[in-house]
Amino acid sequence: MAMAVVLFPVANEAPKLEASALEELASFGITSVSLLRDSCIAGLVLEGWAFDVTDVERAVRAVAGTSDGVQTLRPLVQMSVSARGEVR
């Protein structure tokens, strides 16, 4: 599964996950979206089995309307942990 986290500045108006944007994200193979924000930065977590991370910039434009000032983070390590301390 591909994953990317995108950080971008926000103005007074919050970024929106409108139906048309979600349809466009789905067309990129994204199956899971999380939107996070504080007072000045928004974060978009994008995941999907068919998601190609080369489409991150297009995905951000679908939600934010622009890709200016965007920072993209890609995973270095992905793992599961359990209460017994097992690493998988």
Protein backbone atom coordinates (compact mmCIF):
# COMPACT_ATOMS: atom_id res chain seq x y z
CA MET A 1 0.00 0.00 0.00
CA ALA A 2 1.34 3.41 -0.93
CA MET A 3 1.10 6.26 1.55
CA ALA A 4 1.99 9.93 1.50
CA VAL A 5 1.54 12.76 3.98
CA VAL A 6 1.17 16.20 2.49
CA LEU A 7 1.61 19.39 4.52
CA PHE A 8 0.36 22.69 3.16
CA PRO A 9 -0.38 26.17 4.52
CA VAL A 10 -4.01 27.14 5.00
CA ALA A 11 -5.68 30.52 5.00
CA ASN A 12 -8.69 31.45 7.07
CA GLU A 13 -10.85 29.05 5.09
CA ALA A 14 -10.37 25.38 5.95
CA PRO A 15 -9.54 22.92 3.18
CA LYS A 16 -12.60 20.91 2.24
CA LEU A 17 -13.08 17.33 1.18
CA GLU A 18 -15.84 17.92 -1.34
CA ALA A 19 -17.45 15.11 -3.32
CA SER A 20 -15.72 16.12 -6.55
CA ALA A 21 -12.31 16.13 -4.81
CA LEU A 22 -12.97 12.72 -3.27
CA GLU A 23 -13.95 11.33 -6.69
CA GLU A 24 -10.71 12.67 -8.13
CA LEU A 25 -8.68 11.16 -5.26
CA ALA A 26 -10.38 7.81 -5.88
CA SER A 27 -9.39 8.05 -9.56
CA PHE A 28 -5.73 8.16 -8.38
CA GLY A 29 -6.19 4.87 -6.50
CA ILE A 30 -6.53 6.52 -3.09
CA THR A 31 -8.83 4.55 -0.79
CA SER A 32 -8.22 6.28 2.55
CA VAL A 33 -7.92 9.99 3.32
CA SER A 34 -7.33 11.79 6.61
CA LEU A 35 -7.35 15.57 6.89
CA LEU A 36 -5.60 17.20 9.85
CA ARG A 37 -4.90 20.81 10.65
CA ASP A 38 -3.86 23.38 13.19
CA SER A 39 -4.13 27.15 12.92
CA CYS A 40 -1.76 27.49 9.95
CA ILE A 41 -0.88 24.06 8.49
CA ALA A 42 -3.07 21.30 7.12
CA GLY A 43 -2.00 17.71 6.68
CA LEU A 44 -3.46 15.24 4.23
CA VAL A 45 -2.73 11.54 4.72
CA LEU A 46 -3.31 9.61 1.49
CA GLU A 47 -3.30 5.81 1.24
CA GLY A 48 -4.28 3.28 -1.36
CA TRP A 49 -3.33 -0.07 -2.86
CA ALA A 50 -3.38 1.34 -6.39
CA PHE A 51 -2.12 4.80 -5.39
CA ASP A 52 1.00 5.92 -7.25
CA VAL A 53 2.82 8.52 -5.14
CA THR A 54 3.78 10.36 -8.32
CA ASP A 55 0.15 11.62 -8.28
CA VAL A 56 0.56 13.36 -4.90
CA GLU A 57 0.76 16.86 -6.37
CA ARG A 58 -2.42 16.32 -8.42
CA ALA A 59 -4.16 14.92 -5.33
CA VAL A 60 -3.25 18.00 -3.30
CA ARG A 61 -4.58 20.31 -6.00
CA ALA A 62 -7.87 18.37 -5.92
CA VAL A 63 -8.28 19.23 -2.22
CA ALA A 64 -6.40 22.51 -1.73
CA GLY A 65 -6.76 24.01 -5.20
CA THR A 66 -3.00 24.58 -5.45
CA SER A 67 0.27 22.80 -4.83
CA ASP A 68 2.19 25.96 -3.88
CA GLY A 69 3.94 25.71 -0.53
CA VAL A 70 3.29 21.97 -0.29
CA GLN A 71 5.67 19.60 1.47
CA THR A 72 5.33 15.87 0.80
CA LEU A 73 6.45 13.20 3.26
CA ARG A 74 6.81 9.59 2.18
CA PRO A 75 7.12 6.68 4.61
CA LEU A 76 10.53 5.34 5.53
CA VAL A 77 9.26 2.49 7.70
CA GLN A 78 5.83 0.98 8.16
CA MET A 79 5.23 -1.63 10.87
CA SER A 80 2.71 -3.01 13.31
CA VAL A 81 3.35 -3.22 17.04
CA SER A 82 1.58 -5.14 19.77
CA ALA A 83 1.25 -4.83 23.52
CA ARG A 84 3.70 -7.73 23.94
CA GLY A 85 6.40 -5.74 22.16
CA GLU A 86 6.38 -7.83 19.01
CA VAL A 87 7.43 -6.08 15.84
CA ARG A 88 5.99 -7.34 12.57
